[in-house]
Amino acid sequence: MNRIYPVMMIVLVLHHFNSDAQKALKSKEALDKEKVYRSLDEAMLNKRKVYKLNLDSKGLEEIPVQVFKLKNLQELYLRHNSITILPEGLWTLTNLQKLMLGENRLSIVPPGIATLSNLEELDLFSNALTGLPSEISKLLKLQKLDVNWNQLDSLPRSITLLVNLEVLLAEKNRLISLPEDFGNLERLRELSLFNNRLKGLPESIGDLQLIAELNLSRNNLTLVPKGMKNMKALRIIDLSANNLAKIPDLSGMGKLEKLNLSNNRIAGMNMQNGVYPGLKELNLSINKITSIAYKPGNLPKLRRLDMELNSITVLPVSLFTMVSLEYLNLGRNNIERIENGVGDLKNLKELYLNDNKIYSVSKYIGNLDKLEYLDLRDNKLHLLQRQIGGMVSLREFHLENNNFSEFQRNLVRQYLKRPQIFF
């Protein structure tokens, strides 16, 4: 009997130890079925069963120490609080796969983050971070990193060791450059660098073969590396609000559908040297374009072309070979005449020519039988020819602030009886 008693005590101690020990990680499918605890008091009554804890918007100024006793935690949500420090106890939760810390007041991520080796998603959105620790490279399972809306002026070079990273969100920071070997992040599918201070991009960015959409708007870019042409999966590129002086050569990118180059310093539309086989939308508005040089056939699928607010005076014949266009905006330029070639754009549905100096419009505009919206307001027109009656699909026609007499207004109404006409 005396021998049995110590054995029983050992068993009880071991049982007590195992009750708080970490269990193996649950699969995503199994984890999806687990309860999300939203009360810390309730969680503490069921410590072994707590895999997901959500303490979002609880007014927390620090992470409660009780959380560190929940050794089986795999998802921890602490967003929209006022937490300023990440304590050492957090690094004991080594089963964590999701750590959501967005919208707090963190200024530092300690090197201890490296102990969370199972982490797959880390949310640091909208804090006050000025840097990331080099130890972040130890999170080899990390798939998504959100550091949007912080004060980062650089990313550690070691971030390029995160070989499983698929999503990197770093918009609205103060980034000046990216690590030269940034292209090592070959599994990246989503990258947002909107609203930073980037002056250039590494040539290695061309190695990111899986990214379909790239937002580089509101930076200080003056050039785009040649390597970008190698990003074969790109469908959408936003380079608006930078300091580009010319259109970057992105020809040959077969999947590229949308290219936004608005609000730069581009002086000319030169697209003579390469084919953009899949491009459907091109935005060149708010630039300094005075001339258009285009080789017919280089934009075979272009549907939308926006060149509003430039300094264009003459429309070249080559522009009228873009016969796939459905939307054309040439408003707020210095154009004086609309030539005969306009009649070849027979797929146009919307045409904006407002705020120019137009005094003459070719009668062949009447060939645009699919046109639904036409804006010629704020020009110098005093008459239109009867052939405009051929625009049989027109629904809305703006002619405000021109020089039409009442007689000419009545003629326009006779030629076009169907649309709403505004003088």
Protein backbone atom coordinates (compact mmCIF):
# COMPACT_ATOMS: atom_id res chain seq x y z
CA MET A 1 0.00 0.00 0.00
CA ASN A 2 2.85 2.38 0.87
CA ARG A 3 4.48 1.67 -2.53
CA ILE A 4 1.27 2.38 -4.44
CA TYR A 5 0.75 5.82 -2.91
CA PRO A 6 3.87 7.51 -4.41
CA VAL A 7 3.04 6.01 -7.82
CA MET A 8 -0.46 7.45 -7.66
CA MET A 9 0.97 10.85 -6.75
CA ILE A 10 3.27 10.77 -9.78
CA VAL A 11 0.36 9.86 -12.05
CA LEU A 12 -1.72 12.73 -10.67
CA VAL A 13 1.12 15.20 -11.17
CA LEU A 14 1.67 14.02 -14.72
CA HIS A 15 -2.04 14.31 -15.44
CA HIS A 16 -2.06 17.86 -14.08
CA PHE A 17 0.98 18.74 -16.22
CA ASN A 18 -0.57 17.29 -19.36
CA SER A 19 -3.82 19.16 -18.78
CA ASP A 20 -2.02 22.45 -19.51
CA ALA A 21 0.37 21.08 -22.13
CA GLN A 22 0.07 22.18 -25.74
CA LYS A 23 -1.77 19.93 -28.11
CA ALA A 24 -0.80 19.30 -31.68
CA LEU A 25 -1.87 21.93 -34.23
CA LYS A 26 -5.31 21.52 -35.70
CA SER A 27 -5.77 21.57 -39.44
CA LYS A 28 -7.50 24.56 -41.00
CA GLU A 29 -10.58 22.45 -41.61
CA ALA A 30 -10.74 21.34 -37.98
CA LEU A 31 -9.95 24.83 -36.73
CA ASP A 32 -12.83 26.31 -38.72
CA LYS A 33 -15.20 24.17 -36.66
CA GLU A 34 -13.85 25.34 -33.31
CA LYS A 35 -15.72 27.86 -31.20
CA VAL A 36 -14.53 31.48 -31.16
CA TYR A 37 -14.34 32.59 -27.53
CA ARG A 38 -15.18 36.27 -27.05
CA SER A 39 -15.10 36.36 -23.26
CA LEU A 40 -11.82 35.90 -21.41
CA ASP A 41 -13.67 34.72 -18.30
CA GLU A 42 -15.38 31.97 -20.27
CA ALA A 43 -12.12 31.05 -21.95
CA MET A 44 -10.37 30.62 -18.60
CA LEU A 45 -13.00 28.09 -17.56
CA ASN A 46 -12.22 26.00 -20.66
CA LYS A 47 -8.49 26.55 -21.11
CA ARG A 48 -7.74 23.29 -22.91
CA LYS A 49 -10.56 23.82 -25.40
CA VAL A 50 -9.69 27.38 -26.41
CA TYR A 51 -8.19 27.45 -29.88
CA LYS A 52 -9.63 30.78 -31.03
CA LEU A 53 -9.92 33.89 -28.86
CA ASN A 54 -11.33 37.21 -30.09
CA LEU A 55 -10.75 40.24 -27.87
CA ASP A 56 -11.23 42.86 -30.59
CA SER A 57 -12.52 46.26 -29.48
CA LYS A 58 -12.33 45.58 -25.74
CA GLY A 59 -10.58 48.84 -24.81
CA LEU A 60 -7.44 46.94 -23.81
CA GLU A 61 -4.26 48.87 -23.03
CA GLU A 62 -2.24 45.67 -22.56
CA ILE A 63 -2.67 42.00 -23.30
CA PRO A 64 -4.20 40.30 -20.22
CA VAL A 65 -1.74 37.85 -18.63
CA GLN A 66 -4.47 35.20 -18.50
CA VAL A 67 -4.22 34.90 -22.28
CA PHE A 68 -0.74 33.38 -21.94
CA LYS A 69 -2.22 30.41 -20.04
CA LEU A 70 -4.20 29.36 -23.11
CA LYS A 71 -1.47 27.15 -24.51
CA ASN A 72 -3.59 25.67 -27.30
CA LEU A 73 -4.43 29.03 -28.86
CA GLN A 74 -4.05 29.02 -32.64
CA GLU A 75 -5.89 32.25 -33.46
CA LEU A 76 -5.67 35.40 -31.33
CA TYR A 77 -7.55 38.57 -32.29
CA LEU A 78 -6.65 41.79 -30.45
CA ARG A 79 -7.58 44.39 -33.06
CA HIS A 80 -8.91 47.88 -32.40
CA ASN A 81 -7.56 48.26 -28.88
CA SER A 82 -4.91 50.57 -27.36
CA ILE A 83 -2.12 48.05 -26.79
CA THR A 84 1.36 49.63 -26.77
CA ILE A 85 3.64 46.71 -25.85
CA LEU A 86 3.92 43.05 -26.80
CA PRO A 87 5.03 41.26 -23.57
CA GLU A 88 7.30 38.24 -23.28
CA GLY A 89 4.37 36.00 -22.36
CA LEU A 90 3.02 36.27 -25.88
CA TRP A 91 6.01 34.35 -27.24
CA THR A 92 5.03 31.28 -25.20
CA LEU A 93 1.96 30.77 -27.38
CA THR A 94 3.93 28.85 -29.97
CA ASN A 95 0.85 27.20 -31.49
CA LEU A 96 -0.39 30.54 -32.84
CA GLN A 97 -1.15 30.50 -36.55
CA LYS A 98 -2.99 33.84 -36.66
CA LEU A 99 -2.02 36.90 -34.65
CA MET A 100 -4.20 39.90 -35.37
CA LEU A 101 -2.91 43.14 -33.82
CA GLY A 102 -4.27 45.75 -36.22
CA GLU A 103 -5.38 49.20 -35.03
CA ASN A 104 -3.40 49.40 -31.81
CA ARG A 105 -0.57 51.70 -30.68
CA LEU A 106 2.44 49.48 -31.17
CA SER A 107 5.73 51.19 -32.03
CA ILE A 108 7.97 48.12 -31.81
CA VAL A 109 7.72 44.44 -32.66
CA PRO A 110 10.25 42.70 -30.35
CA PRO A 111 12.69 40.07 -31.68
CA GLY A 112 10.76 37.50 -29.63
CA ILE A 113 8.30 37.27 -32.52
CA ALA A 114 10.73 34.69 -33.95
CA THR A 115 9.50 32.07 -31.45
CA LEU A 116 6.06 31.98 -33.11
CA SER A 117 7.32 29.59 -35.75
CA ASN A 118 3.83 28.33 -36.68
CA LEU A 119 2.52 31.78 -37.54
CA GLU A 120 0.82 31.94 -40.96
CA GLU A 121 -0.86 35.35 -40.72
CA LEU A 122 0.36 38.46 -38.92
CA ASP A 123 -1.79 41.60 -38.87
CA LEU A 124 -0.03 44.81 -37.78
CA PHE A 125 -2.28 47.19 -39.70
CA SER A 126 -2.57 50.79 -38.49
CA ASN A 127 -0.09 50.96 -35.67
CA ALA A 128 2.90 53.29 -35.20
CA LEU A 129 5.68 50.97 -36.32
CA THR A 130 8.87 52.55 -37.64
CA GLY A 131 10.62 49.26 -38.34
CA LEU A 132 10.38 45.48 -38.29
CA PRO A 133 12.91 43.20 -36.55
CA SER A 134 15.26 41.17 -38.71
CA GLU A 135 14.10 38.14 -36.73
CA ILE A 136 10.85 38.21 -38.68
CA SER A 137 12.72 36.03 -41.18
CA LYS A 138 12.32 33.11 -38.74
CA LEU A 139 8.58 32.95 -39.45
CA LEU A 140 9.06 30.51 -42.29
CA LYS A 141 5.39 29.49 -42.40
CA LEU A 142 4.15 33.08 -42.73
CA GLN A 143 1.80 33.48 -45.68
CA LYS A 144 0.27 36.91 -45.05
CA LEU A 145 1.83 40.02 -43.55
CA ASP A 146 -0.19 43.23 -43.20
CA VAL A 147 1.80 46.33 -42.22
CA ASN A 148 -0.47 48.84 -43.98
CA TRP A 149 -0.79 52.29 -42.41
CA ASN A 150 2.36 52.45 -40.31
CA GLN A 151 5.50 54.60 -40.41
CA LEU A 152 7.98 52.14 -41.90
CA ASP A 153 10.82 53.75 -43.85
CA SER A 154 12.33 50.40 -44.85
CA LEU A 155 11.76 46.67 -44.82
CA PRO A 156 14.50 44.47 -43.35
CA ARG A 157 16.50 42.61 -45.97
CA SER A 158 15.77 39.41 -44.07
CA ILE A 159 12.11 39.69 -45.08
CA THR A 160 13.15 38.19 -48.40
CA LEU A 161 13.73 34.87 -46.58
CA LEU A 162 9.99 34.43 -46.01
CA VAL A 163 9.76 31.87 -48.79
CA ASN A 164 6.09 31.04 -48.15
CA LEU A 165 4.84 34.63 -48.09
CA GLU A 166 1.90 35.06 -50.48
CA VAL A 167 0.45 38.43 -49.41
CA LEU A 168 2.43 41.52 -48.42
CA LEU A 169 0.45 44.67 -47.67
CA ALA A 170 2.62 47.72 -46.99
CA GLU A 171 0.63 50.67 -48.25
CA LYS A 172 0.64 54.10 -46.61
CA ASN A 173 4.07 53.93 -45.03
CA ARG A 174 7.29 55.89 -45.68
CA LEU A 175 9.20 53.31 -47.69
CA ILE A 176 11.96 54.80 -49.84
CA SER A 177 13.25 51.55 -51.33
CA LEU A 178 12.85 47.78 -51.30
CA PRO A 179 15.58 45.18 -50.64
CA GLU A 180 17.56 44.38 -53.79
CA ASP A 181 16.70 40.67 -53.56
CA PHE A 182 12.99 41.38 -53.08
CA GLY A 183 12.35 39.03 -55.99
CA ASN A 184 13.21 36.09 -53.72
CA LEU A 185 9.60 36.26 -52.48
CA GLU A 186 8.61 34.09 -55.40
CA ARG A 187 5.31 32.94 -53.88
CA LEU A 188 3.90 36.45 -53.57
CA ARG A 189 0.47 36.70 -55.16
CA GLU A 190 -0.60 40.06 -53.75
CA LEU A 191 1.59 43.11 -53.16
CA SER A 192 0.40 46.60 -52.22
CA LEU A 193 2.88 49.47 -51.97
CA PHE A 194 0.43 52.31 -52.54
CA ASN A 195 1.20 55.68 -50.93
CA ASN A 196 4.84 55.38 -49.94
CA ARG A 197 7.95 57.34 -50.96
CA LEU A 198 9.55 54.80 -53.27
CA LYS A 199 12.08 56.37 -55.64
CA GLY A 200 12.86 53.15 -57.48
CA LEU A 201 12.24 49.42 -57.63
CA PRO A 202 14.78 46.57 -57.63
CA GLU A 203 15.35 44.79 -60.93
CA SER A 204 14.57 41.53 -59.15
CA ILE A 205 10.89 42.50 -58.92
CA GLY A 206 10.58 40.78 -62.27
CA ASP A 207 11.01 37.44 -60.51
CA LEU A 208 7.58 37.80 -58.87
CA GLN A 209 5.80 35.64 -61.40
CA LEU A 210 2.52 35.09 -59.53
CA ILE A 211 1.37 38.66 -58.85
CA ALA A 212 -1.74 39.59 -60.83
CA GLU A 213 -2.32 43.10 -59.49
CA LEU A 214 0.33 45.66 -58.55
CA ASN A 215 -0.52 48.99 -56.92
CA LEU A 216 2.40 51.44 -56.91
CA SER A 217 0.31 54.59 -56.94
CA ARG A 218 1.37 57.69 -54.96
CA ASN A 219 5.09 57.13 -54.79
CA ASN A 220 8.08 59.05 -56.21
CA LEU A 221 9.00 56.69 -59.02
CA THR A 222 10.80 58.21 -62.00
CA LEU A 223 11.57 54.94 -63.78
CA VAL A 224 10.24 51.41 -63.89
CA PRO A 225 12.81 48.59 -64.08
CA LYS A 226 12.98 46.57 -67.28
CA GLY A 227 12.51 43.45 -65.20
CA MET A 228 8.86 44.32 -64.61
CA LYS A 229 8.12 43.02 -68.10
CA ASN A 230 8.93 39.55 -66.76
CA MET A 231 5.96 39.61 -64.38
CA LYS A 232 3.92 37.47 -66.73
CA ALA A 233 0.86 37.10 -64.47
CA LEU A 234 0.22 40.86 -64.14
CA ARG A 235 -3.26 41.93 -65.23
CA ILE A 236 -3.48 45.31 -63.48
CA ILE A 237 -0.72 47.88 -62.89
CA ASP A 238 -1.37 51.19 -61.13
CA LEU A 239 1.50 53.67 -61.48
CA SER A 240 -0.62 56.78 -61.03
CA ALA A 241 0.61 59.80 -59.04
CA ASN A 242 4.34 59.24 -59.50
CA ASN A 243 7.03 61.23 -61.32
CA LEU A 244 7.27 59.26 -64.56
CA ALA A 245 8.35 61.38 -67.52
CA LYS A 246 7.56 58.78 -70.18
CA ILE A 247 5.42 55.70 -70.67
CA PRO A 248 7.37 52.68 -69.39
CA ASP A 249 7.92 49.89 -71.88
CA LEU A 250 5.62 47.12 -70.70
CA SER A 251 4.92 45.75 -74.16
CA GLY A 252 4.65 42.03 -74.66
CA MET A 253 2.94 41.39 -71.31
CA GLY A 254 0.22 39.13 -72.64
CA LYS A 255 -2.06 39.22 -69.58
CA LEU A 256 -1.88 42.95 -68.89
CA GLU A 257 -5.42 44.38 -69.09
CA LYS A 258 -5.37 47.65 -67.14
CA LEU A 259 -2.58 50.23 -66.98
CA ASN A 260 -3.02 53.43 -64.96
CA LEU A 261 -0.42 56.12 -65.63
CA SER A 262 -2.51 59.12 -64.63
CA ASN A 263 -1.11 62.09 -62.71
CA ASN A 264 2.52 61.82 -63.76
CA ARG A 265 4.76 64.07 -65.87
CA ILE A 266 4.48 62.17 -69.14
CA ALA A 267 5.05 64.50 -72.09
CA GLY A 268 4.06 62.25 -74.98
CA MET A 269 2.06 59.13 -75.74
CA ASN A 270 4.66 57.06 -77.55
CA MET A 271 3.44 53.53 -78.15
CA GLN A 272 5.09 52.78 -81.48
CA ASN A 273 7.66 50.21 -80.48
CA GLY A 274 5.78 47.32 -78.91
CA VAL A 275 2.50 45.45 -78.89
CA TYR A 276 0.21 45.33 -75.84
CA PRO A 277 -1.84 42.32 -76.91
CA GLY A 278 -4.31 42.16 -74.03
CA LEU A 279 -4.52 45.77 -72.81
CA LYS A 280 -8.14 46.89 -72.44
CA GLU A 281 -7.86 50.04 -70.31
CA LEU A 282 -5.20 52.78 -70.49
CA ASN A 283 -5.37 55.86 -68.27
CA LEU A 284 -3.07 58.74 -69.22
CA SER A 285 -5.11 61.55 -67.69
CA ILE A 286 -3.54 64.47 -65.79
CA ASN A 287 -0.18 64.45 -67.54
CA LYS A 288 1.64 66.87 -69.85
CA ILE A 289 1.02 65.07 -73.12
CA THR A 290 1.22 67.24 -76.20
CA SER A 291 1.65 64.58 -78.88
CA ILE A 292 0.39 61.09 -79.67
CA ALA A 293 2.64 58.62 -81.49
CA TYR A 294 0.92 55.31 -82.02
CA LYS A 295 1.48 52.46 -84.44
CA PRO A 296 -1.81 50.93 -85.65
CA GLY A 297 -2.29 47.45 -84.23
CA ASN A 298 -0.19 47.91 -81.08
CA LEU A 299 -3.31 48.11 -78.90
CA PRO A 300 -5.63 45.62 -80.59
CA LYS A 301 -8.02 45.12 -77.65
CA LEU A 302 -8.09 48.59 -76.12
CA ARG A 303 -11.60 49.45 -74.90
CA ARG A 304 -11.02 52.51 -72.69
CA LEU A 305 -8.59 55.37 -73.26
CA ASP A 306 -8.54 58.31 -70.85
CA MET A 307 -6.38 61.31 -71.82
CA GLU A 308 -8.27 64.02 -69.96
CA LEU A 309 -6.41 67.07 -68.71
CA ASN A 310 -3.35 67.09 -70.95
CA SER A 311 -2.10 69.60 -73.54
CA ILE A 312 -3.11 67.87 -76.77
CA THR A 313 -3.83 70.21 -79.69
CA VAL A 314 -4.08 67.85 -82.67
CA LEU A 315 -5.51 64.34 -82.96
CA PRO A 316 -3.36 62.19 -85.27
CA VAL A 317 -4.86 59.86 -87.85
CA SER A 318 -3.38 56.88 -85.98
CA LEU A 319 -5.67 57.57 -83.01
CA PHE A 320 -8.66 56.80 -85.20
CA THR A 321 -7.30 53.32 -85.95
CA MET A 322 -8.09 52.23 -82.37
CA VAL A 323 -11.31 50.75 -83.65
CA SER A 324 -11.96 48.62 -80.55
CA LEU A 325 -12.43 51.72 -78.36
CA GLU A 326 -15.72 51.97 -76.48
CA TYR A 327 -14.74 54.85 -74.17
CA LEU A 328 -12.59 57.83 -75.16
CA ASN A 329 -11.96 60.83 -72.91
CA LEU A 330 -10.12 63.78 -74.45
CA GLY A 331 -11.71 66.41 -72.25
CA ARG A 332 -9.80 69.42 -70.90
CA ASN A 333 -7.15 69.62 -73.61
CA ASN A 334 -6.46 72.24 -76.32
CA ILE A 335 -8.03 70.46 -79.30
CA GLU A 336 -9.48 72.72 -82.00
CA ARG A 337 -10.85 70.32 -84.64
CA ILE A 338 -12.37 66.85 -84.76
CA GLU A 339 -11.24 65.38 -88.05
CA ASN A 340 -12.95 62.92 -90.41
CA GLY A 341 -11.23 59.89 -88.89
CA VAL A 342 -13.49 60.07 -85.85
CA GLY A 343 -16.11 58.23 -87.90
CA ASP A 344 -13.95 55.10 -87.89
CA LEU A 345 -14.34 54.61 -84.13
CA LYS A 346 -17.59 52.75 -84.68
CA ASN A 347 -17.57 50.88 -81.37
CA LEU A 348 -17.55 54.05 -79.27
CA LYS A 349 -20.26 54.29 -76.64
CA GLU A 350 -18.91 57.27 -74.66
CA LEU A 351 -16.97 60.23 -76.06
CA TYR A 352 -15.76 63.16 -73.94
CA LEU A 353 -14.48 66.26 -75.75
CA ASN A 354 -15.50 68.87 -73.20
CA ASP A 355 -13.39 71.88 -72.18
CA ASN A 356 -11.35 72.18 -75.35
CA LYS A 357 -11.22 74.86 -78.05
CA ILE A 358 -13.19 72.94 -80.65
CA TYR A 359 -14.80 75.07 -83.34
CA SER A 360 -15.32 72.33 -85.98
CA VAL A 361 -16.62 68.75 -85.80
CA SER A 362 -16.49 66.48 -88.86
CA LYS A 363 -19.80 65.32 -90.27
CA TYR A 364 -18.45 61.77 -90.03
CA ILE A 365 -19.11 61.80 -86.31
CA GLY A 366 -22.55 60.74 -87.48
CA ASN A 367 -21.09 57.29 -88.28
CA LEU A 368 -20.91 56.52 -84.57
CA ASP A 369 -24.17 54.63 -84.45
CA LYS A 370 -23.32 52.92 -81.12
CA LEU A 371 -22.51 56.17 -79.32
CA GLU A 372 -24.69 56.67 -76.23
CA TYR A 373 -23.03 59.66 -74.52
CA LEU A 374 -21.34 62.67 -76.15
CA ASP A 375 -19.89 65.62 -74.24
CA LEU A 376 -18.92 68.74 -76.23
CA ARG A 377 -19.64 71.34 -73.59
CA ASP A 378 -17.33 74.32 -73.03
CA ASN A 379 -16.02 74.64 -76.58
CA LYS A 380 -16.38 77.17 -79.45
CA LEU A 381 -18.97 75.43 -81.62
CA HIS A 382 -21.63 77.40 -83.44
CA LEU A 383 -23.06 74.69 -85.72
CA LEU A 384 -23.26 70.94 -86.32
CA GLN A 385 -24.08 69.26 -89.61
CA ARG A 386 -27.18 67.20 -90.26
CA GLN A 387 -25.17 63.95 -90.44
CA ILE A 388 -25.11 63.90 -86.64
CA GLY A 389 -28.53 62.33 -87.00
CA GLY A 390 -26.70 59.07 -87.71
CA MET A 391 -25.90 58.72 -84.01
CA VAL A 392 -29.05 56.67 -83.52
CA SER A 393 -28.07 55.24 -80.09
CA LEU A 394 -27.33 58.63 -78.52
CA ARG A 395 -29.12 59.16 -75.21
CA GLU A 396 -27.35 62.17 -73.73
CA PHE A 397 -25.69 65.07 -75.59
CA HIS A 398 -23.98 67.97 -73.78
CA LEU A 399 -23.44 71.24 -75.68
CA GLU A 400 -23.48 73.77 -72.84
CA ASN A 401 -21.30 76.88 -73.09
CA ASN A 402 -20.82 76.95 -76.86
CA ASN A 403 -21.80 79.61 -79.41
CA PHE A 404 -25.03 78.20 -80.84
CA SER A 405 -27.73 80.59 -81.98
CA GLU A 406 -31.31 79.68 -81.23
CA PHE A 407 -31.73 78.76 -84.89
CA GLN A 408 -28.80 76.33 -84.75
CA ARG A 409 -30.09 74.85 -81.53
CA ASN A 410 -33.38 74.06 -83.19
CA LEU A 411 -31.59 72.42 -86.10
CA VAL A 412 -29.69 70.16 -83.72
CA ARG A 413 -32.98 69.19 -82.09
CA GLN A 414 -34.38 68.32 -85.52
CA TYR A 415 -31.37 66.21 -86.46
CA LEU A 416 -31.44 64.37 -83.13
CA LYS A 417 -34.94 63.80 -81.83
CA ARG A 418 -34.24 60.94 -79.46
CA PRO A 419 -31.54 62.01 -76.94
CA GLN A 420 -31.60 64.48 -74.13
CA ILE A 421 -29.78 67.56 -75.45
CA PHE A 422 -28.34 70.15 -73.09
CA PHE A 423 -27.43 73.66 -74.33
